[in-house]
Each structure stands twice: as C-alpha cells, then as structure tokens.
C-alpha cells in the first residue's frame, strides 16, 4: 500500500511541474526580428513619446501684459 503512495507521489511531482510550467504566464515568442529592427522600433517609440509630450504643452499662452513696458 505504501509503495503505491510513493509511486504516485514520484510520478505526480514531475507531471505537476511540467503542467505548471506549460501554463505559466510568461512565454518567449520568437518574432524573428533582428537587432536593427529592434533598435528602429525603440527609436520610433521614443520619438512618438517625445511628440506626445510636446503636443501636451500649452505653447499658445499670450504674453503677460504686465511684463511689457
């Protein structure tokens, strides 16, 4: 009887490990990009972020009339 319990535990542990790792949230998905493509994508993201920040600035403020003499 105890032999079956040990055998079940020995077989269940690797099966659980494999099942747990196959259902993990992090998966490596190769997309076939090369280094130059990655750098281009990162640079484009930086440029887009820059222009988003610039567009959010309020650059059309009128001059303060008190500062003019």
PDB file of N, CA and C in Angstrom:
ATOM      1  N   UNK A   1       0.821  -1.200   0.000  1.00  0.00           N
ATOM      2  CA  UNK A   1       0.000   0.000   0.000  1.00  0.00           C
ATOM      3  C   UNK A   1       0.859   1.257   0.000  1.00  0.00           C
ATOM      4  N   UNK A   2       1.876   1.273   0.851  1.00  0.00           N
ATOM      5  CA  UNK A   2       2.734   2.463   0.924  1.00  0.00           C
ATOM      6  C   UNK A   2       3.550   2.622  -0.352  1.00  0.00           C
ATOM      7  N   UNK A   3       3.801   1.513  -1.035  1.00  0.00           N
ATOM      8  CA  UNK A   3       4.522   1.564  -2.303  1.00  0.00           C
ATOM      9  C   UNK A   3       3.742   2.336  -3.368  1.00  0.00           C
ATOM     10  N   UNK A   4       2.425   2.149  -3.381  1.00  0.00           N
ATOM     11  CA  UNK A   4       1.585   2.865  -4.340  1.00  0.00           C
ATOM     12  C   UNK A   4       1.563   4.364  -4.059  1.00  0.00           C
ATOM     13  N   UNK A   5       1.575   4.729  -2.795  1.00  0.00           N
ATOM     14  CA  UNK A   5       1.578   6.143  -2.420  1.00  0.00           C
ATOM     15  C   UNK A   5       2.880   6.801  -2.868  1.00  0.00           C
ATOM     16  N   UNK A   6       3.979   6.120  -2.637  1.00  0.00           N
ATOM     17  CA  UNK A   6       5.285   6.650  -3.043  1.00  0.00           C
ATOM     18  C   UNK A   6       5.362   6.730  -4.566  1.00  0.00           C
ATOM     19  N   UNK A   7       4.908   5.694  -5.258  1.00  0.00           N
ATOM     20  CA  UNK A   7       4.928   5.697  -6.714  1.00  0.00           C
ATOM     21  C   UNK A   7       4.054   6.818  -7.264  1.00  0.00           C
ATOM     22  N   UNK A   8       2.886   7.036  -6.689  1.00  0.00           N
ATOM     23  CA  UNK A   8       2.000   8.110  -7.129  1.00  0.00           C
ATOM     24  C   UNK A   8       2.658   9.470  -6.918  1.00  0.00           C
ATOM     25  N   UNK A   9       3.305   9.662  -5.776  1.00  0.00           N
ATOM     26  CA  UNK A   9       3.981  10.930  -5.492  1.00  0.00           C
ATOM     27  C   UNK A   9       5.148  11.152  -6.439  1.00  0.00           C
ATOM     28  N   UNK A  10       5.895  10.098  -6.727  1.00  0.00           N
ATOM     29  CA  UNK A  10       7.048  10.220  -7.615  1.00  0.00           C
ATOM     30  C   UNK A  10       6.599  10.544  -9.039  1.00  0.00           C
ATOM     31  N   UNK A  11       5.489  10.036  -9.483  1.00  0.00           N
ATOM     32  CA  UNK A  11       5.001  10.310 -10.825  1.00  0.00           C
ATOM     33  C   UNK A  11       4.202  11.608 -10.902  1.00  0.00           C
ATOM     34  N   UNK A  12       3.535  11.991  -9.816  1.00  0.00           N
ATOM     35  CA  UNK A  12       2.717  13.209  -9.824  1.00  0.00           C
ATOM     36  C   UNK A  12       3.583  14.469  -9.771  1.00  0.00           C
ATOM     37  N   UNK A  13       4.692  14.404  -9.079  1.00  0.00           N
ATOM     38  CA  UNK A  13       5.551  15.590  -8.946  1.00  0.00           C
ATOM     39  C   UNK A  13       6.073  16.074 -10.301  1.00  0.00           C
ATOM     40  N   UNK A  14       6.682  15.230 -11.136  1.00  0.00           N
ATOM     41  CA  UNK A  14       7.132  15.727 -12.444  1.00  0.00           C
ATOM     42  C   UNK A  14       5.977  16.138 -13.355  1.00  0.00           C
ATOM     43  N   UNK A  15       4.861  15.419 -13.268  1.00  0.00           N
ATOM     44  CA  UNK A  15       3.706  15.777 -14.097  1.00  0.00           C
ATOM     45  C   UNK A  15       3.180  17.152 -13.693  1.00  0.00           C
ATOM     46  N   UNK A  16       3.130  17.429 -12.416  1.00  0.00           N
ATOM     47  CA  UNK A  16       2.699  18.746 -11.945  1.00  0.00           C
ATOM     48  C   UNK A  16       3.668  19.836 -12.339  1.00  0.00           C
ATOM     49  N   UNK A  17       4.957  19.527 -12.288  1.00  0.00           N
ATOM     50  CA  UNK A  17       5.966  20.516 -12.674  1.00  0.00           C
ATOM     51  C   UNK A  17       5.830  20.871 -14.155  1.00  0.00           C
ATOM     52  N   UNK A  18       5.675  19.859 -14.999  1.00  0.00           N
ATOM     53  CA  UNK A  18       5.536  20.096 -16.432  1.00  0.00           C
ATOM     54  C   UNK A  18       4.252  20.867 -16.722  1.00  0.00           C
ATOM     55  N   UNK A  19       3.153  20.467 -16.132  1.00  0.00           N
ATOM     56  CA  UNK A  19       1.883  21.148 -16.349  1.00  0.00           C
ATOM     57  C   UNK A  19       1.953  22.593 -15.855  1.00  0.00           C
ATOM     58  N   UNK A  20       2.554  22.814 -14.723  1.00  0.00           N
ATOM     59  CA  UNK A  20       2.679  24.166 -14.185  1.00  0.00           C
ATOM     60  C   UNK A  20       3.529  25.072 -15.060  1.00  0.00           C
ATOM     61  N   UNK A  21       4.587  24.548 -15.618  1.00  0.00           N
ATOM     62  CA  UNK A  21       5.451  25.368 -16.460  1.00  0.00           C
ATOM     63  C   UNK A  21       4.875  25.575 -17.858  1.00  0.00           C
ATOM     64  N   UNK A  22       4.058  24.664 -18.322  1.00  0.00           N
ATOM     65  CA  UNK A  22       3.421  24.852 -19.633  1.00  0.00           C
ATOM     66  C   UNK A  22       2.320  25.894 -19.566  1.00  0.00           C
ATOM     67  N   UNK A  23       1.743  26.110 -18.400  1.00  0.00           N
ATOM     68  CA  UNK A  23       0.660  27.077 -18.253  1.00  0.00           C
ATOM     69  C   UNK A  23       1.142  28.372 -17.612  1.00  0.00           C
ATOM     70  N   UNK A  24       2.439  28.581 -17.558  1.00  0.00           N
ATOM     71  CA  UNK A  24       2.974  29.809 -16.964  1.00  0.00           C
ATOM     72  C   UNK A  24       2.570  31.008 -17.811  1.00  0.00           C
ATOM     73  N   UNK A  25       2.508  32.178 -17.183  1.00  0.00           N
ATOM     74  CA  UNK A  25       2.082  33.380 -17.888  1.00  0.00           C
ATOM     75  C   UNK A  25       3.162  33.910 -18.830  1.00  0.00           C
ATOM     76  N   UNK A  26       4.403  33.730 -18.500  1.00  0.00           N
ATOM     77  CA  UNK A  26       5.488  34.264 -19.312  1.00  0.00           C
ATOM     78  C   UNK A  26       5.858  33.225 -20.367  1.00  0.00           C
ATOM     79  N   UNK A  27       5.775  33.660 -21.602  1.00  0.00           N
ATOM     80  CA  UNK A  27       6.165  32.783 -22.703  1.00  0.00           C
ATOM     81  C   UNK A  27       7.099  33.551 -23.612  1.00  0.00           C
ATOM     82  N   UNK A  28       8.120  32.906 -24.089  1.00  0.00           N
ATOM     83  CA  UNK A  28       9.047  33.512 -25.031  1.00  0.00           C
ATOM     84  C   UNK A  28       8.537  33.198 -26.425  1.00  0.00           C
ATOM     85  N   UNK A  29       8.190  34.258 -27.157  1.00  0.00           N
ATOM     86  CA  UNK A  29       7.656  34.085 -28.505  1.00  0.00           C
ATOM     87  C   UNK A  29       8.655  34.676 -29.491  1.00  0.00           C
ATOM     88  N   UNK A  30       9.362  33.853 -30.233  1.00  0.00           N
ATOM     89  CA  UNK A  30      10.307  34.396 -31.205  1.00  0.00           C
ATOM     90  C   UNK A  30       9.560  35.056 -32.363  1.00  0.00           C
ATOM     91  N   UNK A  31       9.916  36.295 -32.659  1.00  0.00           N
ATOM     92  CA  UNK A  31       9.236  37.005 -33.731  1.00  0.00           C
ATOM     93  C   UNK A  31      10.126  37.190 -34.952  1.00  0.00           C
ATOM     94  N   UNK A  32      11.368  36.816 -34.846  1.00  0.00           N
ATOM     95  CA  UNK A  32      12.253  36.869 -35.993  1.00  0.00           C
ATOM     96  C   UNK A  32      12.843  38.240 -36.264  1.00  0.00           C
ATOM     97  N   UNK A  33      12.764  39.154 -35.311  1.00  0.00           N
ATOM     98  CA  UNK A  33      13.334  40.483 -35.513  1.00  0.00           C
ATOM     99  C   UNK A  33      14.848  40.436 -35.309  1.00  0.00           C
ATOM    100  N   UNK A  34      15.524  41.290 -36.048  1.00  0.00           N
ATOM    101  CA  UNK A  34      16.963  41.401 -35.881  1.00  0.00           C
ATOM    102  C   UNK A  34      17.250  42.645 -35.044  1.00  0.00           C
ATOM    103  N   UNK A  35      18.484  42.829 -34.632  1.00  0.00           N
ATOM    104  CA  UNK A  35      18.868  43.924 -33.747  1.00  0.00           C
ATOM    105  C   UNK A  35      18.517  45.279 -34.348  1.00  0.00           C
ATOM    106  N   UNK A  36      18.765  45.467 -35.635  1.00  0.00           N
ATOM    107  CA  UNK A  36      18.472  46.753 -36.270  1.00  0.00           C
ATOM    108  C   UNK A  36      16.975  47.059 -36.223  1.00  0.00           C
ATOM    109  N   UNK A  37      16.141  46.048 -36.405  1.00  0.00           N
ATOM    110  CA  UNK A  37      14.695  46.250 -36.335  1.00  0.00           C
ATOM    111  C   UNK A  37      14.257  46.602 -34.920  1.00  0.00           C
ATOM    112  N   UNK A  38      14.860  45.955 -33.935  1.00  0.00           N
ATOM    113  CA  UNK A  38      14.542  46.273 -32.545  1.00  0.00           C
ATOM    114  C   UNK A  38      14.931  47.710 -32.216  1.00  0.00           C
ATOM    115  N   UNK A  39      16.122  48.114 -32.640  1.00  0.00           N
ATOM    116  CA  UNK A  39      16.571  49.482 -32.363  1.00  0.00           C
ATOM    117  C   UNK A  39      15.676  50.504 -33.062  1.00  0.00           C
ATOM    118  N   UNK A  40      15.262  50.202 -34.279  1.00  0.00           N
ATOM    119  CA  UNK A  40      14.361  51.102 -35.008  1.00  0.00           C
ATOM    120  C   UNK A  40      13.024  51.233 -34.290  1.00  0.00           C
ATOM    121  N   UNK A  41      12.490  50.126 -33.814  1.00  0.00           N
ATOM    122  CA  UNK A  41      11.211  50.158 -33.102  1.00  0.00           C
ATOM    123  C   UNK A  41      11.327  50.945 -31.806  1.00  0.00           C
ATOM    124  N   UNK A  42      12.432  50.772 -31.086  1.00  0.00           N
ATOM    125  CA  UNK A  42      12.623  51.522 -29.841  1.00  0.00           C
ATOM    126  C   UNK A  42      12.797  53.002 -30.119  1.00  0.00           C
ATOM    127  N   UNK A  43      13.522  53.353 -31.165  1.00  0.00           N
ATOM    128  CA  UNK A  43      13.702  54.757 -31.516  1.00  0.00           C
ATOM    129  C   UNK A  43      12.369  55.380 -31.932  1.00  0.00           C
ATOM    130  N   UNK A  44      11.561  54.654 -32.672  1.00  0.00           N
ATOM    131  CA  UNK A  44      10.247  55.165 -33.074  1.00  0.00           C
ATOM    132  C   UNK A  44       9.357  55.380 -31.859  1.00  0.00           C
ATOM    133  N   UNK A  45       9.439  54.507 -30.889  1.00  0.00           N
ATOM    134  CA  UNK A  45       8.651  54.673 -29.666  1.00  0.00           C
ATOM    135  C   UNK A  45       9.113  55.910 -28.896  1.00  0.00           C
ATOM    136  N   UNK A  46      10.429  56.139 -28.855  1.00  0.00           N
ATOM    137  CA  UNK A  46      10.956  57.330 -28.180  1.00  0.00           C
ATOM    138  C   UNK A  46      10.502  58.608 -28.880  1.00  0.00           C
ATOM    139  N   UNK A  47      10.535  58.616 -30.195  1.00  0.00           N
ATOM    140  CA  UNK A  47      10.108  59.794 -30.952  1.00  0.00           C
ATOM    141  C   UNK A  47       8.614  60.053 -30.736  1.00  0.00           C
ATOM    142  N   UNK A  48       7.818  58.995 -30.752  1.00  0.00           N
ATOM    143  CA  UNK A  48       6.383  59.149 -30.527  1.00  0.00           C
ATOM    144  C   UNK A  48       6.103  59.696 -29.131  1.00  0.00           C
ATOM    145  N   UNK A  49       6.841  59.208 -28.143  1.00  0.00           N
ATOM    146  CA  UNK A  49       6.668  59.718 -26.775  1.00  0.00           C
ATOM    147  C   UNK A  49       7.073  61.190 -26.690  1.00  0.00           C
ATOM    148  N   UNK A  50       8.149  61.581 -27.367  1.00  0.00           N
ATOM    149  CA  UNK A  50       8.586  62.972 -27.383  1.00  0.00           C
ATOM    150  C   UNK A  50       7.496  63.871 -27.954  1.00  0.00           C
ATOM    151  N   UNK A  51       6.952  63.486 -29.117  1.00  0.00           N
ATOM    152  CA  UNK A  51       5.936  64.324 -29.747  1.00  0.00           C
ATOM    153  C   UNK A  51       4.639  64.354 -28.942  1.00  0.00           C
ATOM    154  N   UNK A  52       4.353  63.294 -28.220  1.00  0.00           N
ATOM    155  CA  UNK A  52       3.183  63.301 -27.348  1.00  0.00           C
ATOM    156  C   UNK A  52       3.378  64.308 -26.221  1.00  0.00           C
ATOM    157  N   UNK A  53       4.573  64.364 -25.662  1.00  0.00           N
ATOM    158  CA  UNK A  53       4.862  65.334 -24.598  1.00  0.00           C
ATOM    159  C   UNK A  53       4.813  66.748 -25.151  1.00  0.00           C
ATOM    160  N   UNK A  54       5.404  66.971 -26.325  1.00  0.00           N
ATOM    161  CA  UNK A  54       5.407  68.303 -26.927  1.00  0.00           C
ATOM    162  C   UNK A  54       3.978  68.756 -27.235  1.00  0.00           C
ATOM    163  N   UNK A  55       3.155  67.842 -27.736  1.00  0.00           N
ATOM    164  CA  UNK A  55       1.787  68.234 -28.073  1.00  0.00           C
ATOM    165  C   UNK A  55       0.952  68.539 -26.838  1.00  0.00           C
ATOM    166  N   UNK A  56       1.350  68.009 -25.690  1.00  0.00           N
ATOM    167  CA  UNK A  56       0.588  68.282 -24.475  1.00  0.00           C
ATOM    168  C   UNK A  56       0.976  69.612 -23.838  1.00  0.00           C
ATOM    169  N   UNK A  57       2.059  70.238 -24.299  1.00  0.00           N
ATOM    170  CA  UNK A  57       2.466  71.529 -23.759  1.00  0.00           C
ATOM    171  C   UNK A  57       1.548  72.619 -24.282  1.00  0.00           C
ATOM    172  N   UNK A  58       1.276  73.590 -23.432  1.00  0.00           N
ATOM    173  CA  UNK A  58       0.428  74.714 -23.836  1.00  0.00           C
ATOM    174  C   UNK A  58       1.359  75.839 -24.279  1.00  0.00           C
ATOM    175  N   UNK A  59       1.676  75.866 -25.571  1.00  0.00           N
ATOM    176  CA  UNK A  59       2.648  76.828 -26.090  1.00  0.00           C
ATOM    177  C   UNK A  59       1.990  78.089 -26.630  1.00  0.00           C
ATOM    178  N   UNK A  60       0.667  78.152 -26.635  1.00  0.00           N
ATOM    179  CA  UNK A  60      -0.038  79.296 -27.201  1.00  0.00           C
ATOM    180  C   UNK A  60      -0.510  80.273 -26.122  1.00  0.00           C
ATOM    181  N   UNK A  61       0.231  80.387 -25.061  1.00  0.00           N
ATOM    182  CA  UNK A  61      -0.148  81.317 -23.993  1.00  0.00           C
ATOM    183  C   UNK A  61       0.193  82.743 -24.430  1.00  0.00           C
ATOM    184  N   UNK A  62      -0.727  83.664 -24.195  1.00  0.00           N
ATOM    185  CA  UNK A  62      -0.403  85.069 -24.540  1.00  0.00           C
ATOM    186  C   UNK A  62       0.645  85.626 -23.588  1.00  0.00           C
ATOM    187  N   UNK A  63       1.380  86.576 -24.072  1.00  0.00           N
ATOM    188  CA  UNK A  63       2.379  87.218 -23.223  1.00  0.00           C
ATOM    189  C   UNK A  63       1.700  87.941 -22.064  1.00  0.00           C
ATOM    190  N   UNK A  64       2.395  88.021 -20.966  1.00  0.00           N
ATOM    191  CA  UNK A  64       1.864  88.732 -19.804  1.00  0.00           C
ATOM    192  C   UNK A  64       1.966  90.228 -20.067  1.00  0.00           C
ATOM    193  N   UNK A  65       0.843  90.954 -20.102  1.00  0.00           N
ATOM    194  CA  UNK A  65       0.900  92.383 -20.397  1.00  0.00           C
ATOM    195  C   UNK A  65       1.644  93.174 -19.339  1.00  0.00           C
ATOM    196  N   UNK A  66       1.774  92.654 -18.142  1.00  0.00           N
ATOM    197  CA  UNK A  66       2.494  93.373 -17.098  1.00  0.00           C
ATOM    198  C   UNK A  66       3.994  93.371 -17.330  1.00  0.00           C
ATOM    199  N   UNK A  67       4.491  92.403 -18.140  1.00  0.00           N
ATOM    200  CA  UNK A  67       5.922  92.355 -18.370  1.00  0.00           C
ATOM    201  C   UNK A  67       6.376  93.302 -19.467  1.00  0.00           C
ATOM    202  N   UNK A  68       5.431  93.785 -20.285  1.00  0.00           N
ATOM    203  CA  UNK A  68       5.766  94.714 -21.375  1.00  0.00           C
ATOM    204  C   UNK A  68       5.749  96.137 -20.823  1.00  0.00           C
ATOM    205  N   UNK A  69       6.691  96.940 -21.248  1.00  0.00           N
ATOM    206  CA  UNK A  69       6.695  98.356 -20.808  1.00  0.00           C
ATOM    207  C   UNK A  69       6.496  99.283 -21.961  1.00  0.00           C
TER     208      UNK A  69
END
